[in-house]
C-alpha atoms as a PDB file:
ATOM      1  CA  MET A   1       0.128   0.143  -0.067  1.00  0.00           C
ATOM      2  CA  LEU A   2       0.819   3.578  -0.702  1.00  0.00           C
ATOM      3  CA  ASP A   3       2.293   5.317   2.293  1.00  0.00           C
ATOM      4  CA  ARG A   4       0.470   8.750   2.264  1.00  0.00           C
ATOM      5  CA  SER A   5       2.497  10.015   5.004  1.00  0.00           C
ATOM      6  CA  SER A   6       5.618   9.913   2.766  1.00  0.00           C
ATOM      7  CA  LYS A   7       3.711  12.467   0.554  1.00  0.00           C
ATOM      8  CA  GLU A   8       4.945  10.119  -2.265  1.00  0.00           C
ATOM      9  CA  TYR A   9       2.457   9.313  -4.911  1.00  0.00           C
ATOM     10  CA  TYR A  10       3.005   6.466  -7.798  1.00  0.00           C
ATOM     11  CA  ILE A  11       3.158   8.341 -11.387  1.00  0.00           C
ATOM     12  CA  TYR A  12       2.909   5.788 -14.227  1.00  0.00           C
ATOM     13  CA  SER A  13       3.471   6.619 -17.829  1.00  0.00           C
ATOM     14  CA  MET A  14       0.840   4.919 -19.638  1.00  0.00           C
ATOM     15  CA  ASN A  15       2.824   2.331 -21.574  1.00  0.00           C
ATOM     16  CA  THR A  16       3.931   1.064 -17.832  1.00  0.00           C
ATOM     17  CA  LEU A  17       0.612   1.256 -16.203  1.00  0.00           C
ATOM     18  CA  PRO A  18      -0.303  -2.372 -15.765  1.00  0.00           C
ATOM     19  CA  ILE A  19      -3.615  -3.598 -17.285  1.00  0.00           C
ATOM     20  CA  GLU A  20      -5.225  -4.413 -13.980  1.00  0.00           C
ATOM     21  CA  LYS A  21      -4.502  -0.778 -12.562  1.00  0.00           C
ATOM     22  CA  LYS A  22      -6.012   0.681 -15.781  1.00  0.00           C
ATOM     23  CA  VAL A  23      -9.360  -1.498 -15.593  1.00  0.00           C
ATOM     24  CA  GLN A  24      -9.483  -0.417 -11.767  1.00  0.00           C
ATOM     25  CA  ILE A  25      -9.225   3.103 -12.802  1.00  0.00           C
ATOM     26  CA  ILE A  26     -11.725   2.939 -15.634  1.00  0.00           C
ATOM     27  CA  THR A  27     -14.202   0.946 -13.209  1.00  0.00           C
ATOM     28  CA  LEU A  28     -13.942   3.127 -10.914  1.00  0.00           C
ATOM     29  CA  LEU A  29     -14.848   6.274 -13.495  1.00  0.00           C
ATOM     30  CA  VAL A  30     -17.743   4.582 -14.893  1.00  0.00           C
ATOM     31  CA  GLU A  31     -19.139   3.832 -11.484  1.00  0.00           C
ATOM     32  CA  GLY A  32     -19.640   7.624 -10.505  1.00  0.00           C
ATOM     33  CA  ASN A  33     -16.253   8.299  -8.752  1.00  0.00           C
ATOM     34  CA  SER A  34     -14.575  11.619  -9.091  1.00  0.00           C
ATOM     35  CA  LEU A  35     -11.037  12.102 -10.525  1.00  0.00           C
ATOM     36  CA  ARG A  36      -9.727  12.656  -7.122  1.00  0.00           C
ATOM     37  CA  SER A  37     -11.567   9.953  -5.143  1.00  0.00           C
ATOM     38  CA  THR A  38     -10.221   7.490  -8.097  1.00  0.00           C
ATOM     39  CA  SER A  39      -6.568   8.563  -7.675  1.00  0.00           C
ATOM     40  CA  ARG A  40      -6.984   8.064  -3.624  1.00  0.00           C
ATOM     41  CA  ILE A  41      -8.728   4.385  -4.338  1.00  0.00           C
ATOM     42  CA  ALA A  42      -6.416   3.318  -6.870  1.00  0.00           C
ATOM     43  CA  ASP A  43      -3.004   4.682  -5.370  1.00  0.00           C
ATOM     44  CA  VAL A  44      -2.033   6.653  -8.307  1.00  0.00           C
ATOM     45  CA  SER A  45      -1.428  10.263  -9.250  1.00  0.00           C
ATOM     46  CA  ILE A  46      -4.356  12.566 -10.493  1.00  0.00           C
ATOM     47  CA  ASN A  47      -2.249  13.034 -13.550  1.00  0.00           C
ATOM     48  CA  THR A  48      -2.146   9.235 -14.473  1.00  0.00           C
ATOM     49  CA  VAL A  49      -6.279   9.087 -14.066  1.00  0.00           C
ATOM     50  CA  THR A  50      -6.640  12.018 -16.335  1.00  0.00           C
ATOM     51  CA  LYS A  51      -4.220  10.589 -18.760  1.00  0.00           C
ATOM     52  CA  LEU A  52      -6.152   7.577 -18.952  1.00  0.00           C
ATOM     53  CA  LEU A  53      -9.404   9.202 -19.112  1.00  0.00           C
ATOM     54  CA  VAL A  54      -8.254  11.366 -21.952  1.00  0.00           C
ATOM     55  CA  GLU A  55      -6.831   8.319 -24.143  1.00  0.00           C
ATOM     56  CA  VAL A  56      -9.753   6.192 -23.412  1.00  0.00           C
ATOM     57  CA  GLY A  57     -12.402   8.887 -23.983  1.00  0.00           C
ATOM     58  CA  LYS A  58     -10.940   9.578 -27.476  1.00  0.00           C
ATOM     59  CA  ALA A  59     -10.741   5.813 -28.242  1.00  0.00           C
ATOM     60  CA  CYS A  60     -14.371   5.425 -26.966  1.00  0.00           C
ATOM     61  CA  GLU A  61     -15.813   8.208 -29.268  1.00  0.00           C
ATOM     62  CA  THR A  62     -13.869   6.666 -32.611  1.00  0.00           C
ATOM     63  CA  PHE A  63     -15.275   3.205 -31.748  1.00  0.00           C
ATOM     64  CA  HIS A  64     -19.082   4.403 -31.111  1.00  0.00           C
ATOM     65  CA  TYR A  65     -18.341   6.561 -34.455  1.00  0.00           C
ATOM     66  CA  GLU A  66     -17.290   3.458 -36.187  1.00  0.00           C
ATOM     67  CA  THR A  67     -19.753   0.694 -34.750  1.00  0.00           C
ATOM     68  CA  VAL A  68     -23.024   2.221 -33.873  1.00  0.00           C
ATOM     69  CA  LYS A  69     -24.326   2.625 -37.575  1.00  0.00           C
ATOM     70  CA  ASP A  70     -26.959   0.988 -39.951  1.00  0.00           C
ATOM     71  CA  LEU A  71     -29.470   0.739 -37.027  1.00  0.00           C
ATOM     72  CA  ASN A  72     -32.896  -1.030 -37.785  1.00  0.00           C
ATOM     73  CA  SER A  73     -34.591   1.322 -35.225  1.00  0.00           C
ATOM     74  CA  THR A  74     -38.564   2.109 -35.009  1.00  0.00           C
ATOM     75  CA  ARG A  75     -38.663   4.521 -32.277  1.00  0.00           C
ATOM     76  CA  ILE A  76     -36.061   7.104 -31.351  1.00  0.00           C
ATOM     77  CA  GLN A  77     -36.320   9.573 -28.521  1.00  0.00           C
ATOM     78  CA  ALA A  78     -34.311  12.879 -27.977  1.00  0.00           C
ATOM     79  CA  ASP A  79     -33.509  15.394 -25.126  1.00  0.00           C
ATOM     80  CA  GLU A  80     -30.694  17.597 -23.833  1.00  0.00           C
ATOM     81  CA  ILE A  81     -29.334  17.704 -20.324  1.00  0.00           C
ATOM     82  CA  TRP A  82     -27.819  20.602 -18.835  1.00  0.00           C
ATOM     83  CA  SER A  83     -24.457  20.815 -17.539  1.00  0.00           C
ATOM     84  CA  PHE A  84     -21.669  23.669 -17.056  1.00  0.00           C
ATOM     85  CA  CYS A  85     -17.725  23.771 -17.470  1.00  0.00           C
ATOM     86  CA  TYR A  86     -15.244  25.640 -15.019  1.00  0.00           C
ATOM     87  CA  SER A  87     -18.258  27.997 -14.349  1.00  0.00           C
ATOM     88  CA  LYS A  88     -22.233  28.757 -14.709  1.00  0.00           C
ATOM     89  CA  GLN A  89     -22.878  30.805 -17.444  1.00  0.00           C
ATOM     90  CA  LYS A  90     -24.009  33.428 -15.146  1.00  0.00           C
ATOM     91  CA  ASN A  91     -20.576  33.655 -13.544  1.00  0.00           C
ATOM     92  CA  VAL A  92     -18.408  33.829 -16.934  1.00  0.00           C
ATOM     93  CA  THR A  93     -15.968  36.550 -17.605  1.00  0.00           C
ATOM     94  CA  GLN A  94     -13.989  37.542 -20.677  1.00  0.00           C
ATOM     95  CA  ASP A  95     -10.662  36.012 -19.399  1.00  0.00           C
ATOM     96  CA  MET A  96     -12.014  32.630 -18.660  1.00  0.00           C
ATOM     97  CA  ARG A  97     -10.912  29.700 -20.978  1.00  0.00           C
ATOM     98  CA  ILE A  98     -12.946  28.854 -24.038  1.00  0.00           C
ATOM     99  CA  GLY A  99     -15.587  26.246 -23.236  1.00  0.00           C
ATOM    100  CA  SER A 100     -16.568  27.958 -19.961  1.00  0.00           C
ATOM    101  CA  GLY A 101     -20.375  28.383 -18.977  1.00  0.00           C
ATOM    102  CA  ASP A 102     -23.172  26.179 -19.561  1.00  0.00           C
ATOM    103  CA  VAL A 103     -22.691  22.824 -21.648  1.00  0.00           C
ATOM    104  CA  TRP A 104     -25.839  20.824 -23.020  1.00  0.00           C
ATOM    105  CA  THR A 105     -25.463  17.194 -23.833  1.00  0.00           C
ATOM    106  CA  TRP A 106     -27.864  16.148 -26.776  1.00  0.00           C
ATOM    107  CA  THR A 107     -29.027  12.373 -26.767  1.00  0.00           C
ATOM    108  CA  ALA A 108     -30.985  10.144 -29.124  1.00  0.00           C
ATOM    109  CA  ILE A 109     -31.990   6.729 -27.238  1.00  0.00           C
ATOM    110  CA  ASP A 110     -33.726   3.559 -29.044  1.00  0.00           C
ATOM    111  CA  ALA A 111     -36.928   3.118 -27.132  1.00  0.00           C
ATOM    112  CA  ASP A 112     -36.787  -0.642 -27.802  1.00  0.00           C
ATOM    113  CA  SER A 113     -33.068  -1.647 -27.214  1.00  0.00           C
ATOM    114  CA  LYS A 114     -32.414   1.599 -25.247  1.00  0.00           C
ATOM    115  CA  LEU A 115     -29.315   1.798 -27.079  1.00  0.00           C
ATOM    116  CA  ILE A 116     -27.910   5.438 -26.878  1.00  0.00           C
ATOM    117  CA  VAL A 117     -27.721   6.360 -30.565  1.00  0.00           C
ATOM    118  CA  SER A 118     -25.836   9.525 -30.734  1.00  0.00           C
ATOM    119  CA  TRP A 119     -24.844  12.104 -28.688  1.00  0.00           C
ATOM    120  CA  LEU A 120     -23.259  15.637 -28.963  1.00  0.00           C
ATOM    121  CA  VAL A 121     -21.911  18.175 -26.518  1.00  0.00           C
ATOM    122  CA  GLY A 122     -22.281  21.923 -27.353  1.00  0.00           C
ATOM    123  CA  ASP A 123     -24.935  24.894 -26.498  1.00  0.00           C
ATOM    124  CA  ARG A 124     -28.360  24.376 -27.205  1.00  0.00           C
ATOM    125  CA  SER A 125     -28.524  26.436 -30.429  1.00  0.00           C
ATOM    126  CA  ALA A 126     -29.865  25.747 -33.727  1.00  0.00           C
ATOM    127  CA  ASP A 127     -26.233  25.030 -35.100  1.00  0.00           C
ATOM    128  CA  SER A 128     -26.078  22.062 -32.389  1.00  0.00           C
ATOM    129  CA  ALA A 129     -29.562  21.054 -32.991  1.00  0.00           C
ATOM    130  CA  ASN A 130     -28.699  20.807 -37.135  1.00  0.00           C
ATOM    131  CA  GLN A 131     -25.376  18.923 -36.252  1.00  0.00           C
ATOM    132  CA  PHE A 132     -27.004  16.398 -33.595  1.00  0.00           C
ATOM    133  CA  MET A 133     -29.835  15.541 -36.015  1.00  0.00           C
ATOM    134  CA  ASN A 134     -27.635  14.885 -38.896  1.00  0.00           C
ATOM    135  CA  ASP A 135     -25.517  12.760 -36.997  1.00  0.00           C
ATOM    136  CA  VAL A 136     -28.588  10.549 -35.836  1.00  0.00           C
ATOM    137  CA  ALA A 137     -29.954  10.641 -39.221  1.00  0.00           C
ATOM    138  CA  GLY A 138     -26.711   9.029 -40.386  1.00  0.00           C
ATOM    139  CA  ARG A 139     -27.057   6.402 -38.049  1.00  0.00           C
ATOM    140  CA  LEU A 140     -30.376   5.046 -39.186  1.00  0.00           C
ATOM    141  CA  SER A 141     -31.429   2.520 -42.086  1.00  0.00           C
ATOM    142  CA  ASN A 142     -35.099   2.652 -42.056  1.00  0.00           C
ATOM    143  CA  ARG A 143     -37.891   5.639 -41.514  1.00  0.00           C
ATOM    144  CA  VAL A 144     -38.362   5.866 -37.587  1.00  0.00           C
ATOM    145  CA  GLN A 145     -40.648   7.488 -35.333  1.00  0.00           C
ATOM    146  CA  LEU A 146     -38.691  10.223 -33.565  1.00  0.00           C
ATOM    147  CA  THR A 147     -39.998  12.208 -30.337  1.00  0.00           C
ATOM    148  CA  THR A 148     -38.479  15.357 -28.844  1.00  0.00           C
ATOM    149  CA  ASP A 149     -39.656  18.042 -26.334  1.00  0.00           C
ATOM    150  CA  GLY A 150     -40.793  21.396 -27.309  1.00  0.00           C
ATOM    151  CA  HIS A 151     -37.495  23.124 -27.962  1.00  0.00           C
ATOM    152  CA  LYS A 152     -38.001  24.929 -31.098  1.00  0.00           C
ATOM    153  CA  ALA A 153     -34.460  24.261 -32.863  1.00  0.00           C
ATOM    154  CA  TYR A 154     -35.647  20.629 -33.382  1.00  0.00           C
ATOM    155  CA  LEU A 155     -38.180  21.747 -35.854  1.00  0.00           C
ATOM    156  CA  SER A 156     -35.495  23.024 -38.825  1.00  0.00           C
ATOM    157  CA  ALA A 157     -33.033  20.358 -37.326  1.00  0.00           C
ATOM    158  CA  VAL A 158     -35.380  17.147 -38.298  1.00  0.00           C
ATOM    159  CA  ALA A 159     -36.533  19.069 -41.225  1.00  0.00           C
ATOM    160  CA  GLY A 160     -33.234  19.090 -42.570  1.00  0.00           C
ATOM    161  CA  ALA A 161     -31.813  15.791 -41.628  1.00  0.00           C
ATOM    162  CA  PHE A 162     -34.853  13.652 -42.353  1.00  0.00           C
ATOM    163  CA  GLY A 163     -37.148  15.739 -44.902  1.00  0.00           C
ATOM    164  CA  ASN A 164     -40.518  14.241 -44.730  1.00  0.00           C
ATOM    165  CA  ASP A 165     -38.982  10.457 -44.195  1.00  0.00           C
ATOM    166  CA  ILE A 166     -40.036  10.276 -40.740  1.00  0.00           C
ATOM    167  CA  ASP A 167     -42.926  10.412 -38.222  1.00  0.00           C
ATOM    168  CA  TYR A 168     -42.061  13.077 -35.886  1.00  0.00           C
ATOM    169  CA  ALA A 169     -43.880  14.529 -32.803  1.00  0.00           C
ATOM    170  CA  MET A 170     -43.013  16.822 -30.212  1.00  0.00           C
ATOM    171  CA  LEU A 171     -44.090  16.369 -26.424  1.00  0.00           C
ATOM    172  CA  GLN A 172     -44.678  19.769 -24.927  1.00  0.00           C
ATOM    173  CA  LYS A 173     -44.767  19.233 -21.027  1.00  0.00           C
ATOM    174  CA  GLN A 174     -46.463  21.955 -18.998  1.00  0.00           C
ATOM    175  CA  TYR A 175     -45.271  22.336 -15.302  1.00  0.00           C
ATOM    176  CA  GLY A 176     -46.741  24.261 -12.316  1.00  0.00           C
ATOM    177  CA  ASN A 177     -45.514  27.012  -9.761  1.00  0.00           C
ATOM    178  CA  ASP A 178     -46.933  25.495  -6.671  1.00  0.00           C
ATOM    179  CA  TYR A 179     -43.937  26.145  -4.611  1.00  0.00           C
ATOM    180  CA  ASP A 180     -43.316  28.765  -2.425  1.00  0.00           C
ATOM    181  CA  ALA A 181     -40.040  30.521  -3.701  1.00  0.00           C
ATOM    182  CA  THR A 182     -38.862  31.547  -0.472  1.00  0.00           C
ATOM    183  CA  LYS A 183     -38.656  27.759   0.985  1.00  0.00           C
ATOM    184  CA  ALA A 184     -35.727  25.238   0.367  1.00  0.00           C
ATOM    185  CA  GLU A 185     -37.763  22.612  -1.318  1.00  0.00           C
ATOM    186  CA  ARG A 186     -38.255  25.045  -4.026  1.00  0.00           C
ATOM    187  CA  LYS A 187     -34.276  24.722  -5.103  1.00  0.00           C
ATOM    188  CA  TYR A 188     -33.930  21.079  -4.606  1.00  0.00           C
ATOM    189  CA  SER A 189     -37.221  19.725  -5.862  1.00  0.00           C
ATOM    190  CA  PRO A 190     -38.509  19.883  -9.408  1.00  0.00           C
ATOM    191  CA  ALA A 191     -41.903  21.738 -10.721  1.00  0.00           C
ATOM    192  CA  LYS A 192     -44.482  19.330 -10.854  1.00  0.00           C
ATOM    193  CA  CYS A 193     -45.738  18.320 -14.643  1.00  0.00           C
ATOM    194  CA  ILE A 194     -49.546  19.152 -14.975  1.00  0.00           C
ATOM    195  CA  GLY A 195     -50.016  18.297 -18.084  1.00  0.00           C
ATOM    196  CA  ALA A 196     -48.467  17.389 -21.875  1.00  0.00           C
ATOM    197  CA  ASP A 197     -49.539  18.397 -25.234  1.00  0.00           C
ATOM    198  CA  LYS A 198     -48.803  16.085 -28.305  1.00  0.00           C
ATOM    199  CA  MET A 199     -48.189  18.035 -31.175  1.00  0.00           C
ATOM    200  CA  ASN A 200     -47.879  15.648 -34.945  1.00  0.00           C
ATOM    201  CA  ILE A 201     -45.144  17.478 -36.821  1.00  0.00           C
ATOM    202  CA  THR A 202     -44.229  15.321 -39.860  1.00  0.00           C
ATOM    203  CA  GLY A 203     -45.726  12.177 -41.224  1.00  0.00           C
ATOM    204  CA  CYS A 204     -48.099   9.811 -39.080  1.00  0.00           C
ATOM    205  CA  PRO A 205     -46.642   9.447 -35.538  1.00  0.00           C
ATOM    206  CA  ASP A 206     -48.400   6.520 -33.388  1.00  0.00           C
ATOM    207  CA  GLU A 207     -50.003   8.797 -30.554  1.00  0.00           C
ATOM    208  CA  ASN A 208     -49.231   5.632 -27.966  1.00  0.00           C
ATOM    209  CA  HIS A 209     -45.454   5.751 -28.499  1.00  0.00           C
ATOM    210  CA  ILE A 210     -45.266   9.811 -28.437  1.00  0.00           C
ATOM    211  CA  SER A 211     -42.847  10.083 -25.345  1.00  0.00           C
ATOM    212  CA  THR A 212     -39.663  11.092 -23.956  1.00  0.00           C
ATOM    213  CA  SER A 213     -39.709   8.858 -20.760  1.00  0.00           C
ATOM    214  CA  TYR A 214     -36.926   6.626 -21.439  1.00  0.00           C
ATOM    215  CA  VAL A 215     -34.387   9.560 -22.399  1.00  0.00           C
ATOM    216  CA  GLU A 216     -35.099  11.595 -19.720  1.00  0.00           C
ATOM    217  CA  ARG A 217     -34.691   8.010 -17.509  1.00  0.00           C
ATOM    218  CA  GLN A 218     -31.249   8.255 -19.434  1.00  0.00           C
ATOM    219  CA  ASN A 219     -30.861  11.676 -18.002  1.00  0.00           C
ATOM    220  CA  LEU A 220     -30.800  10.617 -14.449  1.00  0.00           C
ATOM    221  CA  THR A 221     -28.521   7.485 -15.270  1.00  0.00           C
ATOM    222  CA  MET A 222     -25.966   9.897 -16.593  1.00  0.00           C
ATOM    223  CA  ARG A 223     -26.184  12.286 -13.308  1.00  0.00           C
ATOM    224  CA  MET A 224     -25.709   8.997 -11.247  1.00  0.00           C
ATOM    225  CA  SER A 225     -23.030   7.369 -13.408  1.00  0.00           C
ATOM    226  CA  ILE A 226     -20.849  10.606 -14.316  1.00  0.00           C
ATOM    227  CA  ARG A 227     -19.455  12.221 -11.329  1.00  0.00           C
ATOM    228  CA  ARG A 228     -18.995  15.685 -13.180  1.00  0.00           C
ATOM    229  CA  PHE A 229     -22.868  15.835 -13.806  1.00  0.00           C
ATOM    230  CA  THR A 230     -23.657  15.609 -10.067  1.00  0.00           C
ATOM    231  CA  ARG A 231     -25.535  18.742  -9.133  1.00  0.00           C
ATOM    232  CA  LEU A 232     -24.466  20.882  -6.331  1.00  0.00           C
ATOM    233  CA  THR A 233     -21.165  19.673  -5.847  1.00  0.00           C
ATOM    234  CA  ASN A 234     -17.122  20.575  -6.676  1.00  0.00           C
ATOM    235  CA  ALA A 235     -16.613  17.891  -9.138  1.00  0.00           C
ATOM    236  CA  PHE A 236     -17.782  19.679 -12.128  1.00  0.00           C
ATOM    237  CA  SER A 237     -15.785  19.534 -14.959  1.00  0.00           C
ATOM    238  CA  LYS A 238     -12.630  22.158 -15.221  1.00  0.00           C
ATOM    239  CA  LYS A 239     -11.958  21.416 -18.995  1.00  0.00           C
ATOM    240  CA  ILE A 240     -14.464  20.802 -21.768  1.00  0.00           C
ATOM    241  CA  GLU A 241     -12.318  18.155 -23.661  1.00  0.00           C
ATOM    242  CA  ASN A 242     -12.206  16.311 -20.616  1.00  0.00           C
ATOM    243  CA  HIS A 243     -16.064  16.939 -20.253  1.00  0.00           C
ATOM    244  CA  CYS A 244     -16.339  15.193 -23.656  1.00  0.00           C
ATOM    245  CA  HIS A 245     -13.998  12.015 -22.855  1.00  0.00           C
ATOM    246  CA  ALA A 246     -16.005  11.386 -19.647  1.00  0.00           C
ATOM    247  CA  ILE A 247     -19.447  11.305 -21.910  1.00  0.00           C
ATOM    248  CA  ALA A 248     -17.779   9.100 -24.465  1.00  0.00           C
ATOM    249  CA  LEU A 249     -16.394   6.479 -21.943  1.00  0.00           C
ATOM    250  CA  HIS A 250     -19.939   6.451 -19.965  1.00  0.00           C
ATOM    251  CA  PHE A 251     -22.015   5.854 -23.123  1.00  0.00           C
ATOM    252  CA  VAL A 252     -19.330   3.280 -24.537  1.00  0.00           C
ATOM    253  CA  TYR A 253     -19.726   1.531 -21.288  1.00  0.00           C
ATOM    254  CA  TYR A 254     -23.650   1.776 -20.952  1.00  0.00           C
ATOM    255  CA  ASN A 255     -23.918   0.673 -24.556  1.00  0.00           C
ATOM    256  CA  PHE A 256     -21.483  -2.277 -24.839  1.00  0.00           C
ATOM    257  CA  VAL A 257     -20.580  -3.543 -20.719  1.00  0.00           C
ATOM    258  CA  LYS A 258     -23.635  -2.494 -18.691  1.00  0.00           C
ATOM    259  CA  GLN A 259     -26.298  -5.325 -18.838  1.00  0.00           C
ATOM    260  CA  HIS A 260     -29.564  -3.857 -18.850  1.00  0.00           C
ATOM    261  CA  LYS A 261     -32.249  -5.116 -16.067  1.00  0.00           C
ATOM    262  CA  THR A 262     -35.031  -5.432 -18.179  1.00  0.00           C
ATOM    263  CA  LEU A 263     -33.418  -6.452 -21.275  1.00  0.00           C
ATOM    264  CA  ARG A 264     -30.914  -9.011 -19.746  1.00  0.00           C
ATOM    265  CA  VAL A 265     -28.395  -7.854 -22.364  1.00  0.00           C
ATOM    266  CA  THR A 266     -26.457  -4.688 -22.784  1.00  0.00           C
ATOM    267  CA  PRO A 267     -28.305  -2.200 -25.360  1.00  0.00           C
ATOM    268  CA  ALA A 268     -25.793  -2.995 -28.116  1.00  0.00           C
ATOM    269  CA  MET A 269     -26.633  -6.747 -28.138  1.00  0.00           C
ATOM    270  CA  ALA A 270     -30.471  -5.804 -27.993  1.00  0.00           C
ATOM    271  CA  ALA A 271     -29.640  -3.693 -31.138  1.00  0.00           C
ATOM    272  CA  GLY A 272     -27.974  -6.618 -33.107  1.00  0.00           C
ATOM    273  CA  ILE A 273     -24.552  -4.442 -33.145  1.00  0.00           C
ATOM    274  CA  THR A 274     -22.612  -7.103 -31.273  1.00  0.00           C
ATOM    275  CA  LYS A 275     -23.738 -10.825 -29.674  1.00  0.00           C
ATOM    276  CA  ARG A 276     -21.673 -10.554 -26.529  1.00  0.00           C
ATOM    277  CA  PHE A 277     -20.819  -8.563 -23.524  1.00  0.00           C
ATOM    278  CA  MET A 278     -17.638  -6.549 -23.401  1.00  0.00           C
ATOM    279  CA  SER A 279     -15.724  -5.871 -20.336  1.00  0.00           C
ATOM    280  CA  ILE A 280     -13.920  -3.038 -18.786  1.00  0.00           C
ATOM    281  CA  GLU A 281     -10.696  -4.588 -20.351  1.00  0.00           C
ATOM    282  CA  ASP A 282     -12.167  -4.622 -23.606  1.00  0.00           C
ATOM    283  CA  ILE A 283     -12.640  -0.768 -23.334  1.00  0.00           C
ATOM    284  CA  VAL A 284      -9.390  -0.003 -21.932  1.00  0.00           C
ATOM    285  CA  ARG A 285      -7.839  -1.812 -25.072  1.00  0.00           C
ATOM    286  CA  LEU A 286      -9.485   0.150 -27.364  1.00  0.00           C
ATOM    287  CA  ALA A 287      -6.737   2.890 -26.506  1.00  0.00           C
ATOM    288  CA  PRO A 288      -3.721   2.418 -28.572  1.00  0.00           C
ATOM    289  CA  ILE A 289      -0.542   1.373 -26.528  1.00  0.00           C
ATOM    290  CA  GLU A 290       2.170   3.990 -26.751  1.00  0.00           C
ATOM    291  CA  ALA A 291       5.886   2.879 -27.576  1.00  0.00           C
ATOM    292  CA  PRO A 292       8.099   3.398 -24.869  1.00  0.00           C
ATOM    293  CA  LYS A 293      10.217   6.928 -25.780  1.00  0.00           C
ATOM    294  CA  LYS A 294      13.892   6.329 -26.826  1.00  0.00           C
ATOM    295  CA  ARG A 295      15.872   8.216 -23.970  1.00  0.00           C
ATOM    296  CA  GLY A 296      19.213  10.038 -24.990  1.00  0.00           C
ATOM    297  CA  VAL A 297      22.469   8.860 -23.786  1.00  0.00           C
ATOM    298  CA  TYR A 298      23.488   9.592 -20.128  1.00  0.00           C
ATOM    299  CA  LYS A 299      26.557  11.721 -19.944  1.00  0.00           C
ATOM    300  CA  LYS A 300      28.224  12.053 -16.604  1.00  0.00           C
ATOM    301  CA  LYS A 301      28.891  15.531 -15.429  1.00  0.00           C
ATOM    302  CA  LEU A 302      32.902  15.890 -14.730  1.00  0.00           C
ATOM    303  CA  VAL A 303      33.172  17.653 -11.303  1.00  0.00           C
ATOM    304  CA  SER A 304      36.273  20.246 -11.240  1.00  0.00           C
END
């Protein structure tokens, strides 16, 4: 065990870090631990944890891009989940780094297999909506029914990505204001949903399947599984790049490793993408192993 009293920490390079230690670190991260708690539990430097997150996160993004495609989905639900990087938007100043402020993660889920079809990290603008919907459309091989919330940016984005080849509906929820703003419960409790309007936008969507329940449940899964999404803590992301890497790691783990309790398989298996469970070690091995760096010739200093 590491002697904490000596103030020394193990600092590994990625080509010397044992595979068992890499698996331990990634397991801790996907189970909702922060970078520093992972560092303490795994007895490694926080720089080691961060570097591994970056390398595996990049590999996960590439793996998802190349693997999740040509899907035979029938029902897709889309939503956006809020978080922030470095500082909330109201506290952002001009001298802060690029990417500071509010960050929105757009997600699309297959309502049958529970597979995360696509995600995008950005703002809540029409440009992000267009980019997100084009990616969703590019991963589908047939006509689907799509349900989103009432965010207006979806209207032009869906039309531009799918045209008329989609059954699209919006679910506009209405929330009451029955809390006293002076009470603490107003801050921590969500507003009560008092109704929902179903609006057919394109095609002939089945009214019984106009819902965003599964994608909203996925929002909860993200907040429980990604420490930097936990509200009212200091574990929020400090760099937008690491924020993206953590999200990519989460979704590959969710799609290919984690068994869905109702399906009894992974979402990727339910969607027909793969026939077996992946492991954390499989995810770790997605990242290329660096070759040892050559060291220069050691020259002994002459002491005069």
